[in-house]
Each structure stands twice: as C-alpha cells, then as structure tokens.
Amino acid sequence: MSPRSQKLNNQMRSQTLAKIDSAALKVFAACGYHGATMRRIAQAAGLSYGLVYHYYPSKAKVFRRLVDFALTGSLEAMQQFMHASGSAWERMTAYAAMVVSSLFAGDTSLYFVIILQAMTQGRAIAGLPAHISRMFGRYYELLVPVIKEAQASGEAAPGDPAALAAGFFSMVQGLAMLTFQHQGLEERITPALLVNALRNPGYVPRSQSTGRPRPSGRKA
C-alpha cells in the first residue's frame, strides 16, 4: 500500500470516527445511556449500522470514548491555567473565563451531561467508576493548592479548600446542565459568577499606599 493510500485511509477513518462520536454525543445526551442504541447512533451519523459496529462493537465502547474525551480535555485545560503565571486568584479567574467562553458554548455543554450519566447510569460499565474517580482526584490536585494559595493572600474564602473546590466544580456542572435545558442561559453566565463562589467576602484589595492587603472594616 502506498504512503498516500495509507494517509487517505487514516483521514477517512478519522472523519468517520468524528461523525460517530458527534452523533453519539447528541444521542446519549437526548436519550440517556440506557435509552441510546447503536442503531440510533448510526442513524444520527448517517452511516450504516455495520460500519458503526465496525468501529465500536458496543455502545459502552463509544460511551467510554466520549467520557475519556471529556475528562482528558477538561484536565488539560485546568493544567494550562493552574500552572500559568500570575497570582492564584488571577489563574482561577482566567480559568473561569475559559469555562464560560468555551465549555458552555455549542455542543461542549453536552459533555457535562455525558459525565453526569457516567456517574449514574454508567456505573455498570467495567472500570468506569474507578476511572472517573481517579480523574476527579487529579482535578482536585490541581485546584486545591491554588485555592490554598489564594486563601493565604486573603482573596479566597476561608475553610476546607477541598470543600471549596467541590463547590466550584458542582457549580460548573450544575450551570452546564441548566444551559443544556434552557437555551440562552449561557449568555448570562459570567466568569465572576463562577469565581466569586470562592471569593472571601471580607477581602479588601491591596492599598495603593502600602501595597498590602487591608482586612475588611479596617480604616485606611
């Protein structure tokens, strides 16, 4: 087989997989894991059942691929922002801005639906619950130290940083579900709405005269 033919075959394979994945994402989001079928996915993709089955021998396989894509993509995004330069609060604010601008846009919010289904309807898929738990643990490993850093500067609310991280993640998940159900809601979600869930209400920005943070209620 010539290199050109191999390249063309790989391209066709990638295009077919992309069609199946896109269709499966919509079918699972609309029908749930138990309501989705390989035949429905094939119809949504405009492909034959046999061709879809060739790439994915079961709906559990395609569902697992979507879950992996969602978890890996969000983890890579978090790594980029949590390891960036700037203060802890600046990094969390930048991450919240990315979440609002991309994760709630288009079909991206459907991946939140997939993750929710994975944690409920997909618990019988071998190895999936443990895989999700490990990935979530990596999210906490990224965010919790940054929250601690922001607590040290007085910008983040006091308390258990892991609990604050859980509240933040829950808010993102909940808003994603609402944007899936209510069109137009995403236009009203701002980065401040997310990051202020971590804000210390008593924090006062740095004084221009001293360059030090001033506690709430203290006279300049």
Foldseek 3Di string as FASTA:
>chain_A
DDPVVVVVVVVVVVVLLVLLLVLLLVQCLVQNPVRDALCSSCVSSVHDSVVSCVVPVGNLRSLVVLLVVLLVVLLVLLCVLLPDDDALLVSLLVSLQCCLVPCLDDSNLSSLVSVVSCCPVVPPPPPSVVVVVVSVVSVCVRNLVSLVRCVVLVFFADDRSSVLSVVLVVVSSVVSVVCVVDPPVSVVDHSCVRSVSGGHPQWDDADPVPRHTDTHPDDD
